[in-house]
């Protein structure tokens, strides 16, 4: 992939300038949580994914995004995706990651 194209698309959903979405420069670890302005701490996100992430860490944003995917899978009756999401929620629980973000169905 052309390196310049990487900066023209969202690292989460893959949509980019060519799709008509606005791209934002984002701190992976927010500055108010000790992040810096280094290239290693930067990523590109579309407006929608950036709004989901807000001021969360990557693992927090990932869990929030997974909750959104899980709810869509429930609405669509997509059993394969429901099971996948439940397995990932179980991994969050097993490792004690982001316990402050309640998983759906209160497990």
N, C-alpha and C. Protein backbone atom coordinates (compact mmCIF):
# COMPACT_ATOMS: atom_id res chain seq x y z
N UNK A 1 0.85 -1.18 0.00
CA UNK A 1 0.00 0.00 0.00
C UNK A 1 0.89 1.24 0.00
N UNK A 2 0.50 2.25 -0.75
CA UNK A 2 1.19 3.52 -0.81
C UNK A 2 1.17 4.17 0.57
N UNK A 3 2.34 4.49 1.11
CA UNK A 3 2.44 5.05 2.46
C UNK A 3 1.61 6.32 2.62
N UNK A 4 1.58 7.18 1.60
CA UNK A 4 0.79 8.41 1.69
C UNK A 4 -0.70 8.12 1.79
N UNK A 5 -1.17 7.04 1.17
CA UNK A 5 -2.60 6.67 1.23
C UNK A 5 -3.00 6.30 2.65
N UNK A 6 -2.06 5.76 3.43
CA UNK A 6 -2.34 5.36 4.80
C UNK A 6 -2.86 6.53 5.61
N UNK A 7 -2.35 7.72 5.38
CA UNK A 7 -2.75 8.89 6.14
C UNK A 7 -4.04 9.51 5.62
N UNK A 8 -4.60 8.93 4.57
CA UNK A 8 -5.83 9.45 3.99
C UNK A 8 -7.03 8.59 4.36
N UNK A 9 -6.84 7.65 5.28
CA UNK A 9 -7.96 6.80 5.66
C UNK A 9 -7.94 6.51 7.16
N UNK A 10 -9.09 6.11 7.66
CA UNK A 10 -9.28 5.79 9.07
C UNK A 10 -8.65 4.44 9.37
N UNK A 11 -7.87 4.36 10.44
CA UNK A 11 -7.22 3.10 10.80
C UNK A 11 -8.21 2.11 11.41
N UNK A 12 -9.40 2.56 11.77
CA UNK A 12 -10.40 1.66 12.35
C UNK A 12 -11.32 1.08 11.28
N UNK A 13 -11.97 1.95 10.50
CA UNK A 13 -12.97 1.47 9.55
C UNK A 13 -12.48 1.43 8.10
N UNK A 14 -11.36 2.08 7.83
CA UNK A 14 -10.79 2.06 6.48
C UNK A 14 -11.36 3.09 5.52
N UNK A 15 -12.40 3.82 5.95
CA UNK A 15 -12.95 4.86 5.07
C UNK A 15 -11.97 6.03 5.04
N UNK A 16 -12.01 6.76 3.92
CA UNK A 16 -11.05 7.85 3.80
C UNK A 16 -11.54 8.98 2.94
N UNK A 17 -10.58 9.80 2.59
CA UNK A 17 -10.85 10.98 1.79
C UNK A 17 -11.55 10.59 0.48
N UNK A 18 -11.11 9.50 -0.12
CA UNK A 18 -11.71 9.04 -1.38
C UNK A 18 -13.18 8.67 -1.21
N UNK A 19 -13.60 8.33 0.03
CA UNK A 19 -14.99 7.99 0.32
C UNK A 19 -15.80 9.21 0.73
N UNK A 20 -15.15 10.35 0.78
CA UNK A 20 -15.85 11.59 1.13
C UNK A 20 -15.96 11.83 2.63
N UNK A 21 -15.15 11.11 3.43
CA UNK A 21 -15.20 11.35 4.87
C UNK A 21 -14.00 12.20 5.30
N UNK A 22 -14.22 12.96 6.35
CA UNK A 22 -13.16 13.81 6.89
C UNK A 22 -12.25 12.96 7.77
N UNK A 23 -10.95 13.19 7.65
CA UNK A 23 -9.95 12.46 8.43
C UNK A 23 -9.34 13.38 9.48
N UNK A 24 -9.18 12.84 10.69
CA UNK A 24 -8.63 13.59 11.81
C UNK A 24 -7.30 12.97 12.25
N UNK A 25 -6.40 13.81 12.69
CA UNK A 25 -5.19 13.34 13.36
C UNK A 25 -5.57 13.12 14.82
N UNK A 26 -5.21 11.97 15.37
CA UNK A 26 -5.63 11.61 16.72
C UNK A 26 -4.44 11.12 17.53
N UNK A 27 -4.45 11.44 18.82
CA UNK A 27 -3.46 10.89 19.75
C UNK A 27 -3.96 9.51 20.20
N UNK A 28 -3.15 8.48 20.03
CA UNK A 28 -3.52 7.14 20.50
C UNK A 28 -3.72 7.19 22.01
N UNK A 29 -2.73 7.69 22.71
CA UNK A 29 -2.85 7.92 24.15
C UNK A 29 -3.05 9.42 24.32
N UNK A 30 -4.22 9.84 24.80
CA UNK A 30 -4.51 11.28 24.91
C UNK A 30 -3.45 12.03 25.71
N UNK A 31 -3.20 13.28 25.31
CA UNK A 31 -2.20 14.10 25.99
C UNK A 31 -2.51 14.26 27.47
N UNK A 32 -3.79 14.39 27.83
CA UNK A 32 -4.13 14.58 29.24
C UNK A 32 -4.01 13.28 30.05
N UNK A 33 -3.66 12.19 29.37
CA UNK A 33 -3.38 10.91 30.05
C UNK A 33 -1.92 10.53 29.90
N UNK A 34 -1.10 11.52 29.55
CA UNK A 34 0.34 11.29 29.47
C UNK A 34 0.88 11.03 28.08
N UNK A 35 0.03 11.09 27.06
CA UNK A 35 0.47 10.90 25.69
C UNK A 35 1.29 12.08 25.20
N UNK A 36 2.07 11.85 24.16
CA UNK A 36 2.89 12.93 23.61
C UNK A 36 2.52 13.18 22.15
N UNK A 37 3.25 14.07 21.52
CA UNK A 37 2.98 14.43 20.13
C UNK A 37 3.86 13.67 19.14
N UNK A 38 4.37 12.52 19.54
CA UNK A 38 5.24 11.75 18.65
C UNK A 38 4.42 11.06 17.56
N UNK A 39 5.11 10.73 16.47
CA UNK A 39 4.49 9.99 15.37
C UNK A 39 3.96 8.65 15.87
N UNK A 40 4.68 8.01 16.78
CA UNK A 40 4.28 6.70 17.30
C UNK A 40 2.96 6.78 18.08
N UNK A 41 2.62 7.95 18.59
CA UNK A 41 1.39 8.15 19.36
C UNK A 41 0.28 8.74 18.48
N UNK A 42 0.46 8.72 17.18
CA UNK A 42 -0.55 9.30 16.29
C UNK A 42 -1.23 8.25 15.43
N UNK A 43 -2.44 8.58 15.03
CA UNK A 43 -3.20 7.74 14.11
C UNK A 43 -4.21 8.61 13.38
N UNK A 44 -4.74 8.12 12.29
CA UNK A 44 -5.77 8.84 11.56
C UNK A 44 -7.11 8.16 11.76
N UNK A 45 -8.13 8.96 12.08
CA UNK A 45 -9.47 8.45 12.29
C UNK A 45 -10.47 9.29 11.51
N UNK A 46 -11.54 8.65 11.03
CA UNK A 46 -12.62 9.42 10.42
C UNK A 46 -13.40 10.10 11.55
N UNK A 47 -14.26 11.02 11.19
CA UNK A 47 -15.04 11.76 12.20
C UNK A 47 -15.83 10.80 13.08
N UNK A 48 -16.52 9.82 12.48
CA UNK A 48 -17.35 8.91 13.26
C UNK A 48 -16.52 8.11 14.26
N UNK A 49 -15.42 7.53 13.82
CA UNK A 49 -14.58 6.73 14.73
C UNK A 49 -13.91 7.62 15.77
N UNK A 50 -13.53 8.82 15.39
CA UNK A 50 -12.92 9.75 16.34
C UNK A 50 -13.93 10.14 17.42
N UNK A 51 -15.19 10.32 17.04
CA UNK A 51 -16.22 10.65 18.03
C UNK A 51 -16.48 9.49 18.98
N UNK A 52 -16.38 8.27 18.48
CA UNK A 52 -16.55 7.10 19.35
C UNK A 52 -15.39 7.03 20.34
N UNK A 53 -14.17 7.25 19.85
CA UNK A 53 -12.99 7.15 20.71
C UNK A 53 -12.95 8.25 21.76
N UNK A 54 -13.29 9.45 21.37
CA UNK A 54 -13.20 10.61 22.25
C UNK A 54 -11.87 10.62 22.99
N UNK A 55 -11.93 10.55 24.30
CA UNK A 55 -10.73 10.64 25.12
C UNK A 55 -10.37 9.29 25.74
N UNK A 56 -10.82 8.21 25.12
CA UNK A 56 -10.53 6.88 25.64
C UNK A 56 -9.19 6.38 25.13
N UNK A 57 -8.61 5.43 25.88
CA UNK A 57 -7.43 4.74 25.39
C UNK A 57 -7.87 3.83 24.25
N UNK A 58 -6.93 3.24 23.55
CA UNK A 58 -7.29 2.35 22.45
C UNK A 58 -8.12 1.17 22.93
N UNK A 59 -7.78 0.59 24.06
CA UNK A 59 -8.54 -0.57 24.53
C UNK A 59 -9.94 -0.15 24.99
N UNK A 60 -10.06 1.05 25.57
CA UNK A 60 -11.38 1.55 25.95
C UNK A 60 -12.22 1.84 24.70
N UNK A 61 -11.62 2.49 23.74
CA UNK A 61 -12.32 2.80 22.49
C UNK A 61 -12.71 1.51 21.78
N UNK A 62 -11.82 0.53 21.81
CA UNK A 62 -12.11 -0.76 21.19
C UNK A 62 -13.31 -1.44 21.83
N UNK A 63 -13.38 -1.38 23.15
CA UNK A 63 -14.51 -2.01 23.84
C UNK A 63 -15.80 -1.26 23.52
N UNK A 64 -15.75 0.06 23.49
CA UNK A 64 -16.94 0.85 23.13
C UNK A 64 -17.39 0.51 21.70
N UNK A 65 -16.45 0.41 20.79
CA UNK A 65 -16.76 0.09 19.40
C UNK A 65 -17.32 -1.33 19.31
N UNK A 66 -16.76 -2.26 20.08
CA UNK A 66 -17.24 -3.64 20.09
C UNK A 66 -18.67 -3.71 20.60
N UNK A 67 -19.00 -2.90 21.59
CA UNK A 67 -20.37 -2.85 22.11
C UNK A 67 -21.32 -2.41 21.00
N UNK A 68 -20.91 -1.43 20.20
CA UNK A 68 -21.73 -0.96 19.08
C UNK A 68 -21.93 -2.10 18.06
N UNK A 69 -20.86 -2.81 17.73
CA UNK A 69 -20.94 -3.93 16.79
C UNK A 69 -21.85 -5.03 17.34
N UNK A 70 -21.71 -5.31 18.62
CA UNK A 70 -22.51 -6.35 19.27
C UNK A 70 -24.01 -6.02 19.19
N UNK A 71 -24.35 -4.77 19.46
CA UNK A 71 -25.76 -4.36 19.40
C UNK A 71 -26.31 -4.48 17.98
N UNK A 72 -25.48 -4.15 16.99
CA UNK A 72 -25.89 -4.32 15.59
C UNK A 72 -26.10 -5.80 15.27
N UNK A 73 -25.21 -6.64 15.75
CA UNK A 73 -25.31 -8.08 15.51
C UNK A 73 -26.59 -8.64 16.14
N UNK A 74 -26.91 -8.18 17.35
CA UNK A 74 -28.15 -8.60 18.00
C UNK A 74 -29.36 -8.19 17.16
N UNK A 75 -29.36 -6.95 16.70
CA UNK A 75 -30.48 -6.43 15.89
C UNK A 75 -30.63 -7.21 14.59
N UNK A 76 -29.51 -7.67 14.03
CA UNK A 76 -29.53 -8.41 12.76
C UNK A 76 -29.64 -9.92 12.95
N UNK A 77 -29.60 -10.37 14.20
CA UNK A 77 -29.64 -11.81 14.45
C UNK A 77 -28.43 -12.56 13.94
N UNK A 78 -27.28 -11.88 13.87
CA UNK A 78 -26.04 -12.46 13.36
C UNK A 78 -25.34 -13.26 14.47
N UNK A 79 -25.69 -14.53 14.57
CA UNK A 79 -25.19 -15.38 15.66
C UNK A 79 -23.67 -15.52 15.66
N UNK A 80 -23.07 -15.59 14.49
CA UNK A 80 -21.61 -15.71 14.40
C UNK A 80 -20.92 -14.48 15.01
N UNK A 81 -21.41 -13.28 14.68
CA UNK A 81 -20.81 -12.06 15.21
C UNK A 81 -21.14 -11.87 16.69
N UNK A 82 -22.34 -12.29 17.09
CA UNK A 82 -22.70 -12.21 18.52
C UNK A 82 -21.73 -13.05 19.34
N UNK A 83 -21.47 -14.27 18.90
CA UNK A 83 -20.55 -15.16 19.61
C UNK A 83 -19.13 -14.59 19.62
N UNK A 84 -18.70 -14.04 18.49
CA UNK A 84 -17.37 -13.43 18.43
C UNK A 84 -17.26 -12.30 19.47
N UNK A 85 -18.25 -11.42 19.49
CA UNK A 85 -18.22 -10.29 20.43
C UNK A 85 -18.21 -10.79 21.87
N UNK A 86 -19.02 -11.80 22.17
CA UNK A 86 -19.05 -12.35 23.52
C UNK A 86 -17.69 -12.92 23.91
N UNK A 87 -17.02 -13.57 22.96
CA UNK A 87 -15.69 -14.11 23.23
C UNK A 87 -14.69 -12.99 23.53
N UNK A 88 -14.79 -11.89 22.80
CA UNK A 88 -13.88 -10.76 23.05
C UNK A 88 -14.22 -10.12 24.40
N UNK A 89 -15.51 -9.96 24.72
CA UNK A 89 -15.88 -9.44 26.04
C UNK A 89 -15.32 -10.34 27.14
N UNK A 90 -15.38 -11.66 26.93
CA UNK A 90 -14.82 -12.60 27.90
C UNK A 90 -13.32 -12.37 28.08
N UNK A 91 -12.62 -12.07 26.99
CA UNK A 91 -11.18 -11.80 27.07
C UNK A 91 -10.92 -10.52 27.87
N UNK A 92 -11.72 -9.48 27.63
CA UNK A 92 -11.59 -8.26 28.44
C UNK A 92 -11.76 -8.61 29.92
N UNK A 93 -12.80 -9.39 30.23
CA UNK A 93 -13.07 -9.76 31.63
C UNK A 93 -11.96 -10.60 32.21
N UNK A 94 -11.50 -11.60 31.46
CA UNK A 94 -10.48 -12.53 31.93
C UNK A 94 -9.19 -11.80 32.29
N UNK A 95 -8.88 -10.75 31.55
CA UNK A 95 -7.64 -10.01 31.78
C UNK A 95 -7.84 -8.75 32.62
N UNK A 96 -9.08 -8.50 33.06
CA UNK A 96 -9.36 -7.33 33.89
C UNK A 96 -9.14 -6.01 33.18
N UNK A 97 -9.42 -5.97 31.89
CA UNK A 97 -9.21 -4.76 31.09
C UNK A 97 -10.51 -3.97 31.01
N UNK A 98 -10.43 -2.71 31.33
CA UNK A 98 -11.56 -1.77 31.20
C UNK A 98 -12.84 -2.27 31.86
N UNK A 99 -12.70 -2.74 33.08
CA UNK A 99 -13.86 -3.23 33.82
C UNK A 99 -14.86 -2.11 34.12
N UNK A 100 -14.40 -0.86 34.05
CA UNK A 100 -15.30 0.27 34.31
C UNK A 100 -16.30 0.50 33.17
N UNK A 101 -16.06 -0.12 32.02
CA UNK A 101 -17.01 -0.04 30.90
C UNK A 101 -17.82 -1.33 30.94
N UNK A 102 -19.09 -1.22 31.32
CA UNK A 102 -19.92 -2.40 31.49
C UNK A 102 -20.20 -3.07 30.15
N UNK A 103 -20.02 -4.35 30.12
CA UNK A 103 -20.33 -5.10 28.90
C UNK A 103 -21.84 -5.29 28.79
N UNK A 104 -22.35 -5.40 27.60
CA UNK A 104 -23.78 -5.63 27.42
C UNK A 104 -24.22 -6.92 28.10
N UNK A 105 -25.46 -6.96 28.51
CA UNK A 105 -26.07 -8.11 29.18
C UNK A 105 -25.44 -8.41 30.52
N UNK A 106 -24.69 -7.44 31.08
CA UNK A 106 -24.19 -7.46 32.44
C UNK A 106 -23.44 -8.66 32.93
N UNK A 107 -22.85 -9.43 32.07
CA UNK A 107 -22.08 -10.60 32.52
C UNK A 107 -20.90 -10.21 33.33
